[in-house]
Protein backbone atom coordinates (compact mmCIF):
# COMPACT_ATOMS: atom_id res chain seq x y z
CA LYS A 1 2.62 -11.37 70.80
CA ILE A 2 5.45 -11.15 72.37
CA ALA A 3 4.05 -7.07 73.57
CA ASN A 4 0.83 -8.64 74.74
CA ALA A 5 2.09 -11.44 76.51
CA LEU A 6 5.00 -9.29 78.14
CA ALA A 7 2.19 -6.08 78.45
CA ARG A 8 1.10 -6.63 81.97
CA SER A 9 4.67 -7.27 83.88
CA CYS A 10 6.33 -4.10 82.17
CA LYS A 11 7.53 -1.85 84.52
CA ALA A 12 8.77 0.80 81.86
CA GLY A 13 5.79 3.19 81.68
CA ILE A 14 5.87 2.70 77.80
CA THR A 15 2.51 2.07 75.94
CA GLN A 16 1.36 -1.30 74.44
CA GLU A 17 2.39 0.15 71.23
CA GLU A 18 5.81 1.29 71.93
CA LEU A 19 6.41 -2.26 73.84
CA ALA A 20 5.48 -3.73 70.73
CA ASN A 21 7.96 -2.04 68.00
CA GLU A 22 10.61 -2.25 70.87
CA VAL A 23 10.50 -5.65 71.48
CA TYR A 24 10.26 -5.57 67.39
CA PHE A 25 13.43 -3.48 67.42
CA ILE A 26 15.50 -5.87 70.12
CA ALA A 27 14.25 -8.80 67.59
CA GLY A 28 15.89 -8.16 64.57
CA HIS A 29 12.76 -6.91 62.85
CA GLY A 30 11.47 -10.48 63.12
CA ASN A 31 14.64 -12.76 63.26
CA LEU A 32 13.02 -16.02 62.50
CA LYS A 33 15.17 -19.04 63.60
CA TYR A 34 14.06 -22.92 63.87
CA THR A 35 14.52 -25.18 66.30
CA ASN A 36 13.21 -27.65 64.40
CA ASP A 37 10.94 -27.97 61.22
CA LYS A 38 8.22 -28.05 62.64
CA LEU A 39 8.21 -25.26 65.15
CA PRO A 40 9.54 -21.37 63.55
CA SER A 41 10.37 -18.99 66.53
CA VAL A 42 11.12 -15.69 67.40
CA CYS A 43 14.62 -15.07 68.88
CA VAL A 44 15.30 -11.82 71.64
CA ASN A 45 18.17 -10.78 73.11
CA ARG A 46 17.68 -11.97 76.65
CA ARG A 47 19.66 -8.76 78.28
CA LYS A 48 17.91 -6.12 75.58
CA LEU A 49 14.21 -7.70 76.82
CA GLN A 50 16.08 -7.28 80.04
CA GLU A 51 16.90 -4.14 79.87
CA LEU A 52 13.35 -2.93 77.87
CA MET A 53 11.03 -4.86 80.42
CA GLN A 54 12.62 -3.32 83.96
CA LEU A 55 12.78 -6.57 85.54
CA SER A 56 16.24 -8.92 86.65
CA LYS A 57 16.74 -11.70 85.50
CA PRO A 58 14.64 -14.02 87.87
CA ASP A 59 11.53 -11.59 87.48
CA LEU A 60 11.96 -11.91 83.80
CA GLU A 61 11.97 -15.79 83.17
CA ASN A 62 9.20 -16.01 85.58
CA VAL A 63 7.41 -13.92 83.13
CA VAL A 64 8.81 -15.33 79.42
CA PHE A 65 8.91 -18.64 80.93
CA ASP A 66 4.82 -18.75 82.02
CA LYS A 67 2.85 -20.71 79.84
CA ASN A 68 1.20 -18.75 78.03
CA PRO A 69 -1.39 -19.75 74.73
CA GLU A 70 -0.06 -17.55 72.27
CA PHE A 71 3.24 -19.77 72.11
CA GLU A 72 3.77 -23.53 71.76
CA ASN A 73 6.62 -23.20 74.30
CA VAL A 74 8.83 -20.35 75.35
CA MET A 75 12.87 -21.70 76.05
CA SER A 76 16.10 -20.16 75.84
CA ASP A 77 19.36 -20.92 73.97
CA HIS A 78 21.77 -23.45 75.99
CA LYS A 79 24.28 -20.52 76.13
CA GLY A 80 21.33 -18.64 78.02
CA GLN A 81 21.46 -15.30 75.53
CA GLU A 82 18.71 -15.14 73.93
CA ILE A 83 15.03 -16.67 74.08
CA HIS A 84 13.04 -18.46 71.62
CA PHE A 85 9.19 -17.66 71.12
CA MET A 86 7.96 -20.86 69.38
CA VAL A 87 4.82 -20.00 67.67
CA ASN A 88 2.01 -23.13 66.32
CA PRO A 89 3.04 -23.82 62.72
CA GLN A 90 -0.26 -23.71 61.63
CA LYS A 91 -1.44 -20.31 62.89
CA PHE A 92 2.35 -18.76 62.29
CA MET A 93 1.74 -20.06 58.52
CA GLN A 94 -2.25 -18.82 58.69
CA GLU A 95 -0.99 -15.64 59.59
CA VAL A 96 1.57 -15.30 57.50
CA LEU A 97 -0.42 -15.95 53.79
CA LYS A 98 -3.12 -13.91 54.94
CA GLU A 99 -0.93 -11.11 55.38
CA VAL A 100 0.61 -11.27 51.74
CA CYS A 101 -3.34 -11.13 50.76
CA ARG A 102 -3.67 -8.67 52.12
CA ARG A 103 -1.12 -6.25 51.18
CA ARG A 104 -0.25 -7.96 47.74
CA ASP A 105 2.22 -5.26 46.18
CA GLN A 106 2.85 -3.63 49.39
CA TYR A 107 3.77 -6.75 51.22
CA GLY A 108 7.24 -6.39 53.25
CA LYS A 109 7.06 -3.00 53.22
CA THR A 110 7.33 -0.96 56.90
CA GLU A 111 4.62 1.78 57.34
CA ASN A 112 7.23 4.20 59.84
CA LYS A 113 5.58 7.01 61.37
CA GLY A 114 7.24 10.17 63.43
CA SER A 115 10.78 9.88 64.04
CA LYS A 116 11.59 7.02 62.76
CA LYS A 117 10.80 7.94 59.13
CA LEU A 118 13.33 9.72 57.53
CA LYS A 119 13.55 12.09 54.70
CA ILE A 120 16.48 10.75 52.58
CA LEU A 121 18.23 11.88 49.53
CA VAL A 122 19.99 10.53 47.14
CA ASP A 123 22.71 11.04 44.77
CA PHE A 124 23.47 8.53 42.20
CA SER A 125 24.34 7.36 38.24
CA SER A 126 25.64 11.35 37.85
CA PRO A 127 26.90 10.82 34.30
CA ASN A 128 29.52 13.22 32.91
CA ILE A 129 27.12 15.35 29.81
CA ALA A 130 28.07 15.12 26.37
CA LYS A 131 29.46 11.28 27.36
CA GLU A 132 27.68 8.08 25.79
CA PHE A 133 26.30 6.57 28.59
CA HIS A 134 28.46 3.77 29.42
CA GLU A 135 29.45 0.31 32.22
CA GLY A 136 31.34 2.50 34.47
CA HIS A 137 27.87 4.36 34.85
CA LEU A 138 26.11 1.34 35.50
CA ARG A 139 26.77 -0.07 38.87
CA SER A 140 26.16 3.34 40.28
CA THR A 141 23.02 3.70 38.23
CA VAL A 142 22.09 -0.06 39.68
CA ILE A 143 23.07 0.42 43.13
CA GLY A 144 21.60 4.10 43.95
CA ASN A 145 18.20 2.76 42.49
CA SER A 146 18.08 -0.60 44.17
CA LEU A 147 19.00 1.74 47.24
CA CYS A 148 16.13 3.72 47.07
CA ASN A 149 13.90 1.14 46.65
CA LEU A 150 15.12 -0.57 49.83
CA TYR A 151 14.85 2.96 51.45
CA GLN A 152 11.27 3.99 50.41
CA ALA A 153 10.29 -0.15 50.96
CA ALA A 154 11.58 0.54 54.63
CA GLY A 155 8.75 3.30 55.01
CA HIS A 156 11.51 6.49 54.71
CA ASP A 157 10.48 9.31 52.18
CA VAL A 158 13.40 9.04 49.16
CA VAL A 159 14.78 11.92 46.90
CA ARG A 160 16.49 10.77 44.10
CA VAL A 161 18.86 13.03 42.23
CA ASN A 162 20.61 13.07 39.58
CA TYR A 163 23.86 15.42 39.94
CA LEU A 164 25.30 15.45 36.42
CA GLY A 165 28.55 16.35 35.54
CA ASP A 166 28.03 19.67 33.26
CA TRP A 167 31.00 21.77 34.68
CA GLY A 168 34.56 22.15 35.40
CA THR A 169 37.78 21.66 33.89
CA GLN A 170 36.84 18.50 31.62
CA PHE A 171 33.90 20.76 29.99
CA GLY A 172 37.05 23.02 29.09
CA VAL A 173 38.94 20.01 27.66
CA LEU A 174 35.65 19.15 25.45
CA LEU A 175 35.22 22.72 24.20
CA SER A 176 38.65 23.21 23.00
CA GLY A 177 38.35 19.73 21.50
CA TYR A 178 35.45 20.86 19.96
CA GLU A 179 36.95 23.74 18.52
CA ARG A 180 39.40 21.87 16.82
CA PHE A 181 37.90 18.80 15.85
CA GLY A 182 33.84 19.19 15.99
CA ASP A 183 31.59 18.62 12.78
CA GLU A 184 27.58 19.89 13.14
CA THR A 185 26.47 16.98 10.68
CA LEU A 186 28.45 14.38 13.14
CA LEU A 187 26.56 16.37 15.76
CA GLU A 188 23.22 16.39 13.99
CA SER A 189 22.90 12.74 13.24
CA ASN A 190 25.09 11.08 16.36
CA ALA A 191 25.55 13.97 19.10
CA LEU A 192 26.80 11.69 21.75
CA ALA A 193 29.11 9.29 19.62
CA HIS A 194 30.65 12.17 18.42
CA LEU A 195 31.19 14.31 21.17
CA SER A 196 32.28 11.31 23.12
CA GLU A 197 35.33 10.64 19.89
CA VAL A 198 36.23 14.75 20.64
CA TYR A 199 36.55 14.09 24.57
CA VAL A 200 38.90 11.05 23.74
CA ARG A 201 40.57 12.72 20.86
CA ALA A 202 41.15 16.04 22.79
CA ASN A 203 42.86 13.84 25.74
CA LYS A 204 45.48 12.45 23.70
CA GLU A 205 45.98 15.54 22.02
CA ILE A 206 46.80 17.21 25.14
CA LYS A 207 49.42 14.73 25.93
CA ASN A 208 50.87 15.40 23.10
CA ASP A 209 50.82 19.74 23.08
CA PRO A 210 51.09 21.44 26.33
CA THR A 211 49.26 25.06 25.18
CA LEU A 212 45.79 22.50 24.63
CA THR A 213 45.63 21.99 28.89
CA ALA A 214 46.01 26.27 28.50
CA ARG A 215 43.24 26.78 26.21
CA ALA A 216 40.83 24.08 27.81
CA SER A 217 41.30 26.08 31.45
CA GLU A 218 40.80 29.52 29.20
CA ILE A 219 37.52 27.90 27.74
CA ASN A 220 36.24 26.98 31.35
CA ARG A 221 37.07 30.23 33.26
CA HIS A 222 35.28 31.69 29.96
CA LEU A 223 32.34 29.89 30.80
CA GLU A 224 31.97 30.93 34.82
CA GLN A 225 32.57 33.98 33.94
CA GLY A 226 29.81 34.34 31.86
CA ASN A 227 30.72 34.03 27.79
CA GLN A 228 27.67 33.79 25.82
CA GLU A 229 29.22 31.34 22.78
CA TYR A 230 30.17 29.03 25.50
CA LEU A 231 27.38 29.16 27.54
CA LYS A 232 24.91 28.13 24.20
CA LEU A 233 27.24 25.34 23.05
CA TRP A 234 27.39 24.18 26.75
CA GLN A 235 23.61 24.22 26.74
CA LYS A 236 23.16 22.58 23.48
CA PHE A 237 24.94 19.67 24.57
CA ARG A 238 23.53 19.55 28.09
CA GLU A 239 19.63 19.03 26.41
CA ILE A 240 21.49 16.59 23.94
CA SER A 241 22.74 14.68 26.56
CA ILE A 242 19.99 14.55 29.54
CA SER A 243 17.35 13.78 26.56
CA GLU A 244 20.23 10.53 25.20
CA TYR A 245 20.20 9.56 29.16
CA LYS A 246 16.33 9.59 29.92
CA LYS A 247 15.84 7.18 26.63
CA LEU A 248 18.71 4.57 28.40
CA TYR A 249 17.20 5.18 31.74
CA LYS A 250 13.59 4.40 30.88
CA MET A 251 15.08 0.81 29.18
CA LEU A 252 16.72 0.56 32.70
CA GLY A 253 13.69 1.27 34.60
CA VAL A 254 15.32 3.69 36.49
CA GLU A 255 13.70 7.05 38.01
CA PHE A 256 14.64 10.76 38.85
CA ASP A 257 12.75 12.91 41.01
CA VAL A 258 14.92 16.27 39.98
CA TYR A 259 17.72 16.77 37.64
CA GLU A 260 21.18 18.70 38.67
CA GLY A 261 24.65 19.75 37.80
CA GLU A 262 27.41 20.71 38.91
CA SER A 263 26.04 24.46 37.46
CA MET A 264 23.87 25.28 39.48
CA TYR A 265 26.12 25.61 41.89
CA TYR A 266 29.51 27.61 40.99
CA ASN A 267 28.39 31.21 40.86
CA LYS A 268 28.09 30.55 45.33
CA SER A 269 31.42 29.07 45.81
CA SER A 270 32.61 32.03 47.53
CA GLU A 271 29.87 32.34 49.49
CA VAL A 272 31.38 28.79 50.86
CA ILE A 273 35.60 30.18 51.07
CA ASN A 274 34.05 33.33 53.26
CA ARG A 275 32.01 31.28 55.59
CA LEU A 276 34.82 28.38 55.99
CA GLU A 277 37.99 32.04 56.82
CA GLU A 278 34.96 32.94 59.54
CA LYS A 279 35.94 29.25 60.88
CA GLY A 280 39.66 30.00 60.44
CA CYS A 281 39.93 27.01 57.96
CA ILE A 282 41.24 29.25 55.15
CA GLU A 283 44.83 29.87 53.97
CA ARG A 284 45.84 31.58 50.17
CA PRO A 285 49.62 30.58 50.18
CA ASP A 286 50.24 32.89 47.13
CA SER A 287 49.74 36.06 44.79
CA THR A 288 47.22 34.09 43.08
CA ASP A 289 43.31 33.12 43.81
CA LEU A 290 44.60 29.69 44.89
CA VAL A 291 42.35 28.88 48.46
CA LEU A 292 42.77 25.90 50.34
CA ALA A 293 40.28 24.86 52.82
CA VAL A 294 42.59 23.42 56.44
CA TYR A 295 41.57 21.57 58.77
CA GLN A 296 42.28 18.22 61.26
CA CYS A 297 40.79 15.21 60.69
CA PRO A 298 38.47 14.28 63.52
CA LYS A 299 39.67 10.52 63.35
CA THR A 300 43.24 11.07 62.59
CA GLY A 301 43.82 13.87 64.01
CA SER A 302 46.34 15.04 60.70
CA ARG A 303 46.38 17.82 58.87
CA ARG A 304 44.16 17.91 56.26
CA GLU A 305 44.59 20.43 53.02
CA VAL A 306 41.44 20.73 50.07
CA VAL A 307 41.99 23.25 47.59
CA LEU A 308 38.58 25.13 46.82
CA GLN A 309 39.19 27.67 43.86
CA LYS A 310 42.15 27.19 41.96
CA GLN A 311 44.75 29.61 40.76
CA ASP A 312 42.99 31.43 37.89
CA GLY A 313 40.21 32.28 40.28
CA THR A 314 37.65 28.89 38.85
CA SER A 315 35.62 26.70 41.22
CA LEU A 316 36.12 22.81 41.65
CA TYR A 317 34.31 19.85 42.65
CA ILE A 318 34.34 19.78 45.74
CA THR A 319 33.57 23.23 46.56
CA ARG A 320 30.59 23.21 44.52
CA ASP A 321 29.50 19.72 45.95
CA ILE A 322 29.66 21.83 49.20
CA VAL A 323 26.85 24.47 47.78
CA GLY A 324 24.72 21.90 46.54
CA ALA A 325 24.54 19.85 50.12
CA LEU A 326 24.28 22.92 52.02
CA GLU A 327 21.29 24.16 48.84
CA ARG A 328 19.24 20.73 49.66
CA LYS A 329 19.77 21.07 52.60
CA LYS A 330 17.50 24.04 52.73
CA ARG A 331 15.07 23.25 49.62
CA TYR A 332 14.25 19.41 51.07
CA GLY A 333 14.90 19.85 54.82
CA MET A 334 16.46 16.61 54.54
CA ASP A 335 17.53 13.82 57.36
CA ALA A 336 20.02 12.00 55.70
CA LEU A 337 22.17 12.76 52.41
CA GLN A 338 23.82 9.83 50.33
CA TYR A 339 26.06 9.88 47.61
CA VAL A 340 26.05 6.45 45.49
CA VAL A 341 30.51 6.55 44.22
CA ASP A 342 33.05 4.96 43.48
CA GLN A 343 35.32 3.90 46.00
CA ARG A 344 38.20 6.11 44.73
CA GLN A 345 36.30 8.99 45.40
CA ASP A 346 36.14 8.00 49.30
CA GLY A 347 39.04 11.08 49.80
CA HIS A 348 36.96 13.82 48.44
CA PHE A 349 33.72 12.53 50.22
CA THR A 350 35.47 12.59 53.40
CA ASN A 351 36.78 16.38 52.96
CA LEU A 352 33.11 16.46 52.01
CA LEU A 353 31.30 15.31 54.96
CA ASN A 354 34.04 17.13 57.43
CA LEU A 355 33.75 20.79 55.68
CA LEU A 356 29.92 20.20 56.04
CA ASN A 357 30.44 19.35 60.03
CA ILE A 358 32.81 22.34 60.49
CA MET A 359 30.48 24.64 58.80
CA GLU A 360 27.06 23.42 60.18
CA PRO A 361 27.97 21.41 63.36
CA SER A 362 24.55 21.37 64.04
CA GLN A 363 22.94 20.23 61.46
CA SER A 364 22.26 15.97 60.59
CA TRP A 365 23.91 14.54 57.17
CA SER A 366 23.80 11.04 57.57
CA LYS A 367 21.33 10.18 59.74
CA GLY A 368 20.22 6.33 60.03
CA VAL A 369 22.43 5.38 56.29
CA ASP A 370 26.36 6.45 55.65
CA PHE A 371 26.95 10.22 53.81
CA TYR A 372 28.75 7.64 50.51
CA ARG A 373 28.17 4.35 49.62
CA SER A 374 30.96 3.36 47.34
CA PHE A 375 31.05 0.60 45.23
CA GLY A 376 34.41 -1.49 44.18
CA GLN A 377 36.26 -0.31 41.82
CA ILE A 378 35.67 -0.84 38.07
CA GLU A 379 38.79 -2.24 36.94
CA GLY A 380 40.18 -1.31 33.56
CA LEU A 381 37.63 1.66 32.54
CA SER A 382 39.32 5.03 30.90
CA THR A 383 36.72 7.88 29.17
CA ARG A 384 39.94 10.36 28.18
CA GLU A 385 41.24 7.14 26.38
CA GLY A 386 38.36 5.68 25.17
CA LYS A 387 38.59 2.50 26.97
CA VAL A 388 35.20 1.78 27.52
CA LEU A 389 32.09 -0.49 26.45
CA LEU A 390 29.09 1.38 25.51
CA LEU A 391 26.30 0.48 27.81
CA ARG A 392 23.78 0.34 24.59
CA ASP A 393 26.09 -1.83 22.60
CA ILE A 394 26.25 -4.42 26.28
CA ILE A 395 22.44 -4.47 25.77
CA GLU A 396 22.34 -5.22 22.16
CA ASP A 397 24.86 -7.71 22.45
CA LEU A 398 22.87 -9.55 25.47
CA SER A 399 19.55 -9.74 23.94
CA ASN A 400 20.81 -10.66 21.01
CA ALA A 401 22.35 -13.85 23.55
CA MET A 402 19.09 -14.33 25.06
CA LEU A 403 16.85 -14.19 21.52
CA GLU A 404 19.06 -16.77 19.90
CA SER A 405 18.51 -19.01 22.68
CA MET A 406 14.62 -18.45 23.07
CA GLN A 407 14.27 -19.02 19.44
CA HIS A 408 16.44 -21.90 19.38
CA HIS A 409 15.17 -25.38 18.22
CA ASP A 410 15.09 -26.80 21.88
CA HIS A 411 13.20 -24.77 23.16
CA LYS A 412 9.04 -24.29 23.34
CA TYR A 413 9.29 -20.72 21.44
CA SER A 414 10.06 -22.36 18.36
CA LYS A 415 6.41 -24.62 18.17
CA GLU A 416 5.19 -21.37 19.82
CA ASP A 417 2.85 -18.50 17.79
CA CYS A 418 4.98 -15.87 20.05
CA ASP A 419 4.78 -12.45 17.99
CA PRO A 420 8.29 -11.73 17.41
CA ALA A 421 8.02 -8.11 18.38
CA GLU A 422 6.49 -9.46 21.37
CA LEU A 423 10.06 -11.94 21.66
CA GLN A 424 12.12 -9.75 20.97
CA GLN A 425 11.20 -7.36 24.16
CA ARG A 426 11.01 -9.95 26.53
CA ALA A 427 14.32 -10.68 25.26
CA LEU A 428 15.43 -7.15 26.00
CA THR A 429 14.02 -7.59 29.19
CA MET A 430 15.63 -10.09 30.56
CA ALA A 431 19.17 -9.02 28.91
CA ILE A 432 18.88 -6.03 31.31
CA SER A 433 17.16 -8.05 33.90
CA HIS A 434 19.80 -9.93 34.35
CA LEU A 435 22.70 -6.76 34.43
CA ILE A 436 21.08 -5.78 37.36
CA TYR A 437 21.03 -9.23 38.87
CA THR A 438 24.48 -9.47 38.22
CA ASP A 439 25.97 -6.29 39.41
CA LEU A 440 23.95 -7.05 42.32
CA ARG A 441 24.77 -10.42 43.53
CA SER A 442 27.80 -9.24 45.55
CA ASN A 443 29.00 -7.02 48.16
CA HIS A 444 29.47 -3.42 46.26
CA ASN A 445 32.57 -2.83 48.35
CA ARG A 446 34.46 -5.21 46.20
CA PRO A 447 36.19 -4.22 43.55
CA TYR A 448 34.88 -5.24 39.93
CA LYS A 449 36.29 -6.56 37.08
CA TRP A 450 34.07 -5.95 34.54
CA LYS A 451 35.45 -7.69 31.74
CA ALA A 452 35.50 -10.93 33.14
CA GLU A 453 31.96 -9.97 34.78
CA LEU A 454 30.68 -9.32 30.76
CA GLU A 455 32.04 -12.59 30.07
CA ASN A 456 29.93 -14.53 32.89
CA VAL A 457 26.98 -12.40 31.60
CA ARG A 458 27.52 -13.69 28.05
CA SER A 459 28.08 -17.25 29.07
CA TRP A 460 24.85 -16.84 31.59
CA LYS A 461 24.05 -20.80 30.25
CA ARG A 462 27.11 -21.77 32.51
CA ARG A 463 26.57 -19.68 35.36
CA LYS A 464 25.56 -20.33 39.10
CA GLY A 465 22.83 -16.95 40.29
CA ASN A 466 21.83 -15.60 37.52
CA VAL A 467 18.83 -13.56 36.70
CA ILE A 468 17.19 -16.17 34.08
CA PRO A 469 15.83 -19.32 36.83
CA VAL A 470 14.46 -16.54 38.22
CA GLN A 471 12.84 -14.99 35.95
CA TYR A 472 11.79 -18.16 34.85
CA CYS A 473 10.61 -19.57 38.38
CA HIS A 474 8.18 -16.17 38.50
CA ALA A 475 6.82 -16.53 34.76
CA ARG A 476 6.12 -20.74 36.02
CA LEU A 477 4.36 -19.15 38.67
CA CYS A 478 2.06 -17.19 36.73
CA GLN A 479 1.21 -19.81 34.59
CA LEU A 480 0.45 -21.86 37.23
CA LEU A 481 -2.18 -19.35 38.30
CA GLU A 482 -3.79 -18.45 35.46
CA ASN A 483 -4.21 -21.67 34.39
CA SER A 484 -7.96 -21.29 34.28
CA ALA A 485 -8.23 -25.49 34.00
CA LEU A 486 -7.85 -25.52 37.88
CA GLU A 487 -10.89 -22.76 38.75
CA LEU A 488 -9.43 -22.20 41.82
CA THR A 489 -9.20 -18.59 43.61
CA VAL A 490 -6.97 -17.39 46.32
CA ASN A 491 -8.73 -18.26 50.21
CA PRO A 492 -6.58 -16.95 53.16
CA ASP A 493 -8.94 -18.77 55.13
CA VAL A 494 -8.39 -22.11 53.79
CA SER A 495 -6.30 -24.34 57.29
CA MET A 496 -3.22 -24.77 56.83
CA GLU A 497 -3.43 -28.35 57.99
CA HIS A 498 -3.58 -29.21 54.79
CA LEU A 499 0.05 -28.06 53.85
CA ILE A 500 1.29 -29.84 57.87
CA SER A 501 1.93 -33.14 57.63
CA SER A 502 3.13 -35.40 60.58
CA ASP A 503 5.78 -37.15 58.39
CA GLN A 504 9.31 -36.35 59.69
CA THR A 505 10.41 -35.84 56.17
CA SER A 506 12.12 -32.89 54.24
CA VAL A 507 9.30 -32.71 52.39
CA SER A 508 6.89 -32.12 54.40
CA ALA A 509 8.71 -29.54 56.07
CA LEU A 510 8.51 -27.14 52.75
CA PRO A 511 5.44 -25.69 53.10
CA LEU A 512 6.49 -24.21 56.56
CA GLN A 513 10.49 -23.88 55.22
CA LEU A 514 8.69 -21.93 52.69
CA VAL A 515 6.45 -19.74 54.48
CA SER A 516 9.43 -18.80 56.82
CA GLN A 517 11.11 -17.69 53.59
CA ILE A 518 8.33 -15.30 52.57
CA ALA A 519 8.01 -13.99 56.16
CA ARG A 520 11.25 -12.52 55.84
CA LEU A 521 10.79 -10.15 53.46
CA GLU A 522 10.81 -7.20 56.13
CA GLU A 523 13.50 -7.93 57.62
CA VAL A 524 15.74 -8.89 55.06
CA ILE A 525 14.80 -4.81 53.49
CA HIS A 526 15.78 -3.20 56.44
CA GLU A 527 19.24 -5.74 57.13
CA GLY A 528 19.88 -4.21 53.44
CA VAL A 529 18.67 -0.75 55.14
CA ASN A 530 21.03 -1.05 58.22
CA GLN A 531 24.09 -2.06 55.45
CA SER A 532 23.22 0.36 53.01
CA GLN A 533 23.63 -3.46 50.64
CA SER A 534 21.10 -4.70 47.79
CA TYR A 535 22.88 -7.94 47.95
CA CYS A 536 20.96 -9.14 51.01
CA ILE A 537 18.30 -8.96 48.58
CA HIS A 538 19.74 -11.11 45.39
CA HIS A 539 20.40 -13.39 48.17
CA TYR A 540 17.13 -13.61 49.92
CA ILE A 541 15.19 -14.42 46.26
CA GLU A 542 17.68 -17.20 45.59
CA HIS A 543 17.16 -19.12 48.89
CA LEU A 544 12.93 -18.31 48.23
CA VAL A 545 13.75 -19.74 44.37
CA ALA A 546 15.33 -22.63 45.64
CA LEU A 547 12.51 -23.81 48.13
CA ILE A 548 9.83 -22.84 45.67
CA GLY A 549 11.15 -24.82 43.06
CA LYS A 550 11.61 -28.02 45.45
CA ALA A 551 7.36 -27.42 46.75
CA TYR A 552 6.51 -26.74 43.03
CA LYS A 553 8.01 -30.58 42.84
CA ASN A 554 6.40 -32.27 45.71
CA TYR A 555 3.37 -30.47 46.06
CA ILE A 556 1.73 -30.21 42.96
CA VAL A 557 -1.78 -28.06 42.90
CA ASN A 558 -3.85 -30.29 40.17
CA ASP A 559 -3.83 -33.33 41.30
CA LYS A 560 -7.23 -35.06 40.76
CA SER A 561 -6.02 -37.34 44.03
CA LEU A 562 -6.81 -33.69 46.45
CA THR A 563 -9.01 -33.10 47.89
CA LEU A 564 -10.13 -29.27 46.66
CA GLU A 565 -9.34 -27.71 50.48
CA GLU A 566 -6.13 -29.36 49.90
CA MET A 567 -5.86 -28.34 45.98
CA GLU A 568 -6.56 -24.41 47.66
CA ALA A 569 -4.13 -24.32 50.05
CA ARG A 570 -1.44 -25.64 47.72
CA TYR A 571 -2.59 -22.64 45.38
CA LEU A 572 -2.54 -19.88 48.17
CA LEU A 573 1.20 -21.06 49.00
CA PHE A 574 2.28 -20.64 45.28
CA PHE A 575 -0.08 -17.07 45.10
CA CYS A 576 1.96 -15.58 48.33
CA ALA A 577 5.62 -17.14 46.77
CA ARG A 578 4.78 -15.62 43.64
CA GLN A 579 3.40 -12.49 45.31
CA THR A 580 6.35 -12.46 47.37
CA LEU A 581 9.01 -13.33 44.56
CA SER A 582 7.48 -10.15 42.82
CA ASN A 583 8.11 -7.81 45.53
CA ALA A 584 11.52 -8.74 45.92
CA LEU A 585 12.51 -8.27 42.52
CA LYS A 586 11.37 -5.03 41.89
CA LEU A 587 13.09 -4.04 44.97
CA LEU A 588 16.81 -5.27 43.12
CA GLY A 589 15.11 -2.16 39.92
CA ILE A 590 14.07 -5.75 38.11
CA PRO A 591 10.97 -6.54 36.32
CA PRO A 592 9.07 -9.78 37.35
CA MET A 593 8.18 -11.23 33.88
CA LYS A 594 4.73 -13.28 33.58
CA LYS A 595 6.23 -15.44 30.19
CA VAL A 596 9.63 -15.92 29.22
């Protein structure tokens, strides 16, 4: 509408559609603000609008401040930096709610076309095979999944990749340990638990017996040389691991387009070394097979040395990552590659990006998103020493706590004829929802003290910002909308005058505030994409739920003193609120619950 109002005076020589897209962009994706409780406004940067229109400041003012039927009023802020296009609240609410009704599950999502649509490959989760899934894997999994959801909602094509740690020295350690401590019976009964125990035990033995380190390196070398006996064991452990991981991913609601592994790329390491040697970046410092990549850091100008091949001729993580990135570029034709990793790997991925830019300077590796989205270190973990909490144990513990609360005599479940299996499934869904919601509630960059966080999760009844009131809000709206006694249907054409009051009270402003929050979903999605962060969706949900709660209390639908049109208007408001809350929860990877 702003574009329509400005189109006749624009001197930039762009089409109406292009103008609308540009105005949308400089308005911060529909940034809604309030001049008061009755007039929402779209805020546009004056200087950027002036550049877009190719008008002088006086000419721009003559155009934008002209009386226009599309807007209640147009005014600048007191600093003159922004122009506020104030809209009619009834028209605004009508159009927002109609859009929600029209798009339903797709509401909030953008349909990008042409150059604005990117193909983004996201590499996340990435556990090491033959180890049980623990809380250290959870962060990369839920953050990566939520980012993929955001990128897709913003209209981009996304390829979800789980890049397994299935090669290298750590696997040599496992196989050397299995030679000494492995038990076929235990492997058959509980494979991952046994392999994790073997790995921990092997690392403890290595501290006391240096010969075991040499043995692990020797086995790793035999693997790369194609030793059939070790390859057979490696393949068996890999298949067992993926099978078990898929069960957990299904429980978490996470899917991948492809499973890859370091094993896919080790045999092309020499090609990387040869190409970097052509660029003058390779040094071989002694008579062994040790190979270094040497370059100047673009930011600091300092000399960087990166080991690409060990003295025994075997490949390294960085070398396999370079091969993987190059192969993915060929296979998927992606515009951007993003790794979701622990902050301790920042140096590794800085080297990876710099070396890729040296090898293929014309390629774009991170268009539109960060090359790597690092998250705060999880403190107090060590898989080598066995200092981890297994995810299946955490989920079981939290599910039992949820179930106990649901069955408490003060709650309606003790009086409701509820199938025990269904109640247990609800407890499981709530437990997983709470784990995800807790993890995504703050900036991903912050360190994560898991022991403290786990206590917070267990003591959910005393915590603010947990998922239980959010799921309860969604379930309560479902119950309201499915109440057959109301005999109401969704009517997007009902007049909004039944929700607009002339009373100057905080209660009278609730419907407009709620609809304004509903309207912000697309804006918040783009904010998350621009920052490669999910916590903005968490904050959005918290505000949305607070407004729903206030409106639900003060705008009762089944009120006999209301006319049919007034009830329909309230019913429509809560239908759209429920749909928006559902869509927002799915962005975080949380399934909205119809019953809690």
